[in-house]
Every structure is written in structure tokens, then in C-alpha cells.
Amino acid sequence: GSRAALAWASAPPWVGAGRAAEVVVNGLLPAALAVALHAGDAAAATAARRCYAELPGAAYGRTAHLAAALRAGGLRPRAAESQGMLWLASGRCEQGRCAGCALG
């Protein structure tokens, strides 16, 4: 009963804050947006988009140089930018297609 509940409540978290943020950005928010759009719930869709826009960006080693370039330009990468940087890294950086990239 209550002893088990207390033990569970005081246990260390099963996932860290970084992993939890990734689950929210990559799973929960896209699902929430899809459900809201399917249901025609504009307010819920707006809330999902706003959450996505306001969440801090994740730190990925493979995008560190891109994040540094954004910060050097005075921008603070958010979740959306982190997702975009992953796309750039896989589609350009990791293929040696740096020429023409605004971030260098």
C-alpha cells in the first residue's frame, strides 16, 4: 500500500531530463499536434506548436558546430532549431556538402 507508493515516489527518475525532453519533442508533441489537427481543435494545435517553439534545444554532439554558429550569430537554438540542425547534419555536414551553407 502506502509503503510501496512512498518507495516508488522517492525512487530515482527512470529517465533523465534530457531524454524526457527528447521524448516530448520527438514523440508527445508531434502526436498531440496530429490528434489536434485530426480533431479540428485549433486551440490544441496552437498549444502544441507553441510548446515546440518554446522548448530549449537539445545538445547533440554531431550538431555542436552548427549550434555554435547560431549562438555566435546571437541566436539561442530551441527544439525546432535542434531538429533542423539534425537534418542539416545528416543531409549536408556528414556528406561533406558544406559549400553554400550559410552556417559554414
N, C-alpha and C. Protein backbone atom coordinates (compact mmCIF):
# COMPACT_ATOMS: atom_id res chain seq x y z
N GLY A 1 0.78 -1.17 0.00
CA GLY A 1 0.00 0.00 0.00
C GLY A 1 0.83 1.25 0.00
N SER A 2 0.75 1.97 1.09
CA SER A 2 1.38 3.29 1.14
C SER A 2 2.90 3.19 1.18
N ARG A 3 3.44 2.11 1.73
CA ARG A 3 4.90 1.94 1.76
C ARG A 3 5.44 1.79 0.34
N ALA A 4 4.75 1.01 -0.49
CA ALA A 4 5.17 0.83 -1.88
C ALA A 4 5.07 2.14 -2.65
N ALA A 5 4.01 2.90 -2.42
CA ALA A 5 3.84 4.18 -3.09
C ALA A 5 4.94 5.15 -2.69
N LEU A 6 5.31 5.15 -1.41
CA LEU A 6 6.38 6.02 -0.94
C LEU A 6 7.71 5.62 -1.56
N ALA A 7 7.98 4.31 -1.65
CA ALA A 7 9.22 3.85 -2.26
C ALA A 7 9.28 4.25 -3.74
N TRP A 8 8.15 4.12 -4.43
CA TRP A 8 8.12 4.50 -5.85
C TRP A 8 8.32 5.99 -6.02
N ALA A 9 7.69 6.78 -5.18
CA ALA A 9 7.78 8.24 -5.29
C ALA A 9 9.17 8.76 -4.98
N SER A 10 9.91 8.04 -4.15
CA SER A 10 11.25 8.51 -3.79
C SER A 10 12.35 7.85 -4.62
N ALA A 11 11.98 6.99 -5.55
CA ALA A 11 12.97 6.33 -6.41
C ALA A 11 13.57 7.33 -7.37
N PRO A 12 14.81 7.08 -7.81
CA PRO A 12 15.41 7.98 -8.80
C PRO A 12 14.60 7.93 -10.10
N PRO A 13 14.65 8.99 -10.89
CA PRO A 13 13.88 9.00 -12.13
C PRO A 13 14.34 7.90 -13.08
N TRP A 14 13.39 7.39 -13.85
CA TRP A 14 13.72 6.32 -14.80
C TRP A 14 14.46 6.85 -16.01
N VAL A 15 14.22 8.08 -16.34
CA VAL A 15 14.94 8.72 -17.44
C VAL A 15 15.40 10.09 -16.96
N GLY A 16 16.46 10.57 -17.55
CA GLY A 16 16.95 11.89 -17.19
C GLY A 16 16.16 12.99 -17.88
N ALA A 17 16.45 14.20 -17.50
CA ALA A 17 15.73 15.35 -18.06
C ALA A 17 15.95 15.48 -19.56
N GLY A 18 17.16 15.21 -20.01
CA GLY A 18 17.45 15.31 -21.44
C GLY A 18 16.66 14.31 -22.26
N ARG A 19 16.61 13.07 -21.79
CA ARG A 19 15.86 12.03 -22.51
C ARG A 19 14.36 12.34 -22.47
N ALA A 20 13.89 12.82 -21.35
CA ALA A 20 12.48 13.18 -21.23
C ALA A 20 12.12 14.29 -22.22
N ALA A 21 13.01 15.27 -22.36
CA ALA A 21 12.77 16.36 -23.32
C ALA A 21 12.74 15.81 -24.75
N GLU A 22 13.61 14.86 -25.06
CA GLU A 22 13.61 14.26 -26.40
C GLU A 22 12.31 13.52 -26.67
N VAL A 23 11.79 12.82 -25.66
CA VAL A 23 10.52 12.11 -25.83
C VAL A 23 9.39 13.10 -26.09
N VAL A 24 9.41 14.22 -25.39
CA VAL A 24 8.38 15.24 -25.59
C VAL A 24 8.49 15.83 -26.99
N VAL A 25 9.70 16.22 -27.41
CA VAL A 25 9.90 16.87 -28.70
C VAL A 25 9.65 15.91 -29.86
N ASN A 26 10.15 14.68 -29.75
CA ASN A 26 10.09 13.75 -30.87
C ASN A 26 8.86 12.85 -30.87
N GLY A 27 8.14 12.77 -29.77
CA GLY A 27 7.00 11.87 -29.68
C GLY A 27 5.72 12.53 -29.25
N LEU A 28 5.73 13.08 -28.06
CA LEU A 28 4.50 13.61 -27.48
C LEU A 28 3.94 14.80 -28.26
N LEU A 29 4.76 15.79 -28.54
CA LEU A 29 4.24 16.98 -29.23
C LEU A 29 3.80 16.69 -30.66
N PRO A 30 4.55 15.91 -31.46
CA PRO A 30 4.03 15.58 -32.79
C PRO A 30 2.71 14.81 -32.72
N ALA A 31 2.59 13.89 -31.76
CA ALA A 31 1.34 13.14 -31.61
C ALA A 31 0.21 14.07 -31.19
N ALA A 32 0.48 14.96 -30.25
CA ALA A 32 -0.55 15.91 -29.80
C ALA A 32 -1.00 16.80 -30.95
N LEU A 33 -0.06 17.25 -31.75
CA LEU A 33 -0.41 18.10 -32.90
C LEU A 33 -1.24 17.32 -33.91
N ALA A 34 -0.85 16.08 -34.20
CA ALA A 34 -1.60 15.27 -35.15
C ALA A 34 -3.02 15.03 -34.68
N VAL A 35 -3.19 14.71 -33.42
CA VAL A 35 -4.53 14.47 -32.87
C VAL A 35 -5.36 15.75 -32.92
N ALA A 36 -4.74 16.87 -32.56
CA ALA A 36 -5.46 18.14 -32.58
C ALA A 36 -5.89 18.51 -33.99
N LEU A 37 -5.00 18.33 -34.96
CA LEU A 37 -5.35 18.65 -36.34
C LEU A 37 -6.44 17.73 -36.86
N HIS A 38 -6.33 16.45 -36.54
CA HIS A 38 -7.34 15.49 -36.97
C HIS A 38 -8.71 15.81 -36.37
N ALA A 39 -8.71 16.26 -35.12
CA ALA A 39 -9.96 16.59 -34.43
C ALA A 39 -10.47 17.99 -34.79
N GLY A 40 -9.67 18.75 -35.51
CA GLY A 40 -10.07 20.12 -35.84
C GLY A 40 -10.01 21.06 -34.65
N ASP A 41 -9.16 20.73 -33.68
CA ASP A 41 -9.03 21.54 -32.46
C ASP A 41 -7.89 22.54 -32.64
N ALA A 42 -8.23 23.71 -33.14
CA ALA A 42 -7.22 24.73 -33.43
C ALA A 42 -6.48 25.19 -32.19
N ALA A 43 -7.17 25.29 -31.06
CA ALA A 43 -6.52 25.75 -29.82
C ALA A 43 -5.47 24.74 -29.36
N ALA A 44 -5.79 23.46 -29.42
CA ALA A 44 -4.82 22.44 -29.01
C ALA A 44 -3.64 22.39 -29.98
N ALA A 45 -3.92 22.56 -31.27
CA ALA A 45 -2.83 22.58 -32.26
C ALA A 45 -1.91 23.76 -32.01
N THR A 46 -2.48 24.90 -31.72
CA THR A 46 -1.68 26.10 -31.41
C THR A 46 -0.85 25.88 -30.16
N ALA A 47 -1.43 25.26 -29.15
CA ALA A 47 -0.69 24.99 -27.91
C ALA A 47 0.47 24.04 -28.16
N ALA A 48 0.27 23.01 -28.96
CA ALA A 48 1.35 22.07 -29.27
C ALA A 48 2.46 22.77 -30.02
N ARG A 49 2.09 23.60 -30.99
CA ARG A 49 3.11 24.34 -31.75
C ARG A 49 3.87 25.32 -30.85
N ARG A 50 3.16 25.98 -29.93
CA ARG A 50 3.80 26.94 -29.04
C ARG A 50 4.79 26.23 -28.11
N CYS A 51 4.39 25.09 -27.58
CA CYS A 51 5.29 24.32 -26.72
C CYS A 51 6.56 23.95 -27.48
N TYR A 52 6.38 23.49 -28.71
CA TYR A 52 7.52 23.10 -29.54
C TYR A 52 8.45 24.28 -29.78
N ALA A 53 7.86 25.44 -30.04
CA ALA A 53 8.65 26.64 -30.32
C ALA A 53 9.40 27.14 -29.10
N GLU A 54 8.86 26.87 -27.90
CA GLU A 54 9.46 27.42 -26.68
C GLU A 54 10.41 26.47 -25.97
N LEU A 55 10.39 25.19 -26.32
CA LEU A 55 11.27 24.25 -25.62
C LEU A 55 12.73 24.51 -25.98
N PRO A 56 13.61 24.40 -25.00
CA PRO A 56 15.03 24.59 -25.31
C PRO A 56 15.55 23.50 -26.22
N GLY A 57 16.57 23.82 -26.97
CA GLY A 57 17.16 22.86 -27.89
C GLY A 57 17.95 21.79 -27.17
N ALA A 58 18.03 20.65 -27.80
CA ALA A 58 18.82 19.54 -27.25
C ALA A 58 20.27 19.69 -27.69
N ALA A 59 21.16 19.16 -26.90
CA ALA A 59 22.58 19.20 -27.21
C ALA A 59 22.99 17.88 -27.86
N TYR A 60 23.30 17.94 -29.13
CA TYR A 60 23.77 16.77 -29.86
C TYR A 60 25.20 17.02 -30.29
N GLY A 61 26.07 16.07 -30.05
CA GLY A 61 27.47 16.22 -30.43
C GLY A 61 27.65 16.47 -31.92
N ARG A 62 26.84 15.81 -32.73
CA ARG A 62 27.01 15.94 -34.18
C ARG A 62 26.54 17.28 -34.71
N THR A 63 25.84 18.07 -33.90
CA THR A 63 25.39 19.39 -34.35
C THR A 63 26.04 20.52 -33.55
N ALA A 64 27.05 20.19 -32.76
CA ALA A 64 27.68 21.20 -31.90
C ALA A 64 28.21 22.38 -32.71
N HIS A 65 28.82 22.11 -33.86
CA HIS A 65 29.37 23.20 -34.67
C HIS A 65 28.26 24.09 -35.23
N LEU A 66 27.12 23.52 -35.55
CA LEU A 66 26.00 24.31 -36.04
C LEU A 66 25.40 25.17 -34.93
N ALA A 67 25.25 24.57 -33.75
CA ALA A 67 24.73 25.32 -32.60
C ALA A 67 25.66 26.46 -32.24
N ALA A 68 26.97 26.21 -32.31
CA ALA A 68 27.95 27.27 -32.02
C ALA A 68 27.82 28.41 -33.03
N ALA A 69 27.59 28.07 -34.29
CA ALA A 69 27.43 29.11 -35.32
C ALA A 69 26.17 29.94 -35.06
N LEU A 70 25.10 29.30 -34.64
CA LEU A 70 23.87 30.04 -34.32
C LEU A 70 24.09 30.95 -33.11
N ARG A 71 24.74 30.40 -32.08
CA ARG A 71 25.00 31.21 -30.88
C ARG A 71 25.92 32.38 -31.21
N ALA A 72 26.90 32.17 -32.08
CA ALA A 72 27.80 33.26 -32.48
C ALA A 72 27.03 34.36 -33.19
N GLY A 73 25.95 34.00 -33.84
CA GLY A 73 25.10 34.98 -34.51
C GLY A 73 24.05 35.58 -33.60
N GLY A 74 24.12 35.25 -32.31
CA GLY A 74 23.20 35.82 -31.34
C GLY A 74 21.89 35.06 -31.19
N LEU A 75 21.81 33.87 -31.76
CA LEU A 75 20.59 33.07 -31.65
C LEU A 75 20.76 31.98 -30.61
N ARG A 76 19.68 31.66 -29.94
CA ARG A 76 19.69 30.58 -28.95
C ARG A 76 18.88 29.42 -29.54
N PRO A 77 19.54 28.33 -29.93
CA PRO A 77 18.81 27.23 -30.56
C PRO A 77 17.72 26.66 -29.64
N ARG A 78 16.52 26.53 -30.19
CA ARG A 78 15.39 25.93 -29.49
C ARG A 78 15.16 24.53 -30.06
N ALA A 79 14.12 23.86 -29.63
CA ALA A 79 13.85 22.50 -30.08
C ALA A 79 13.72 22.43 -31.61
N ALA A 80 13.01 23.37 -32.19
CA ALA A 80 12.83 23.36 -33.64
C ALA A 80 14.17 23.50 -34.36
N GLU A 81 15.02 24.38 -33.86
CA GLU A 81 16.34 24.55 -34.48
C GLU A 81 17.19 23.29 -34.30
N SER A 82 17.06 22.64 -33.15
CA SER A 82 17.81 21.39 -32.93
C SER A 82 17.41 20.34 -33.95
N GLN A 83 16.11 20.24 -34.22
CA GLN A 83 15.64 19.28 -35.23
C GLN A 83 16.17 19.67 -36.61
N GLY A 84 16.15 20.94 -36.92
CA GLY A 84 16.68 21.40 -38.19
C GLY A 84 18.16 21.15 -38.32
N MET A 85 18.90 21.33 -37.23
CA MET A 85 20.34 21.07 -37.27
C MET A 85 20.62 19.60 -37.49
N LEU A 86 19.81 18.71 -36.93
CA LEU A 86 19.98 17.27 -37.19
C LEU A 86 19.79 16.98 -38.67
N TRP A 87 18.79 17.62 -39.27
CA TRP A 87 18.54 17.44 -40.70
C TRP A 87 19.74 17.95 -41.51
N LEU A 88 20.22 19.15 -41.15
CA LEU A 88 21.39 19.69 -41.86
C LEU A 88 22.61 18.79 -41.70
N ALA A 89 22.83 18.31 -40.49
CA ALA A 89 24.00 17.46 -40.24
C ALA A 89 23.96 16.21 -41.10
N SER A 90 22.80 15.56 -41.15
CA SER A 90 22.72 14.32 -41.92
C SER A 90 22.66 14.57 -43.42
N GLY A 91 22.07 15.67 -43.84
CA GLY A 91 21.91 15.94 -45.27
C GLY A 91 23.03 16.73 -45.90
N ARG A 92 23.83 17.40 -45.10
CA ARG A 92 24.90 18.23 -45.66
C ARG A 92 26.24 17.98 -44.98
N CYS A 93 26.30 18.25 -43.67
CA CYS A 93 27.58 18.20 -42.96
C CYS A 93 28.27 16.84 -43.08
N GLU A 94 27.52 15.79 -42.81
CA GLU A 94 28.11 14.45 -42.78
C GLU A 94 28.38 13.91 -44.18
N GLN A 95 27.93 14.64 -45.21
CA GLN A 95 28.19 14.26 -46.58
C GLN A 95 29.22 15.17 -47.23
N GLY A 96 29.81 16.07 -46.43
CA GLY A 96 30.83 16.99 -46.93
C GLY A 96 30.28 18.05 -47.86
N ARG A 97 29.02 18.39 -47.71
CA ARG A 97 28.38 19.38 -48.59
C ARG A 97 28.31 20.73 -47.87
N CYS A 98 29.43 21.23 -47.42
CA CYS A 98 29.49 22.48 -46.67
C CYS A 98 29.39 23.71 -47.57
N ALA A 99 29.84 23.58 -48.81
CA ALA A 99 29.82 24.72 -49.73
C ALA A 99 28.38 25.20 -49.91
N GLY A 100 28.20 26.47 -49.77
CA GLY A 100 26.88 27.06 -49.95
C GLY A 100 26.04 27.10 -48.70
N CYS A 101 26.50 26.49 -47.61
CA CYS A 101 25.74 26.51 -46.36
C CYS A 101 25.97 27.86 -45.68
N ALA A 102 24.90 28.49 -45.25
CA ALA A 102 25.01 29.80 -44.59
C ALA A 102 25.75 29.72 -43.28
N LEU A 103 25.76 28.53 -42.65
CA LEU A 103 26.45 28.39 -41.38
C LEU A 103 27.91 27.99 -41.54
N GLY A 104 28.30 27.65 -42.73
CA GLY A 104 29.70 27.28 -43.00
C GLY A 104 29.93 25.89 -42.64
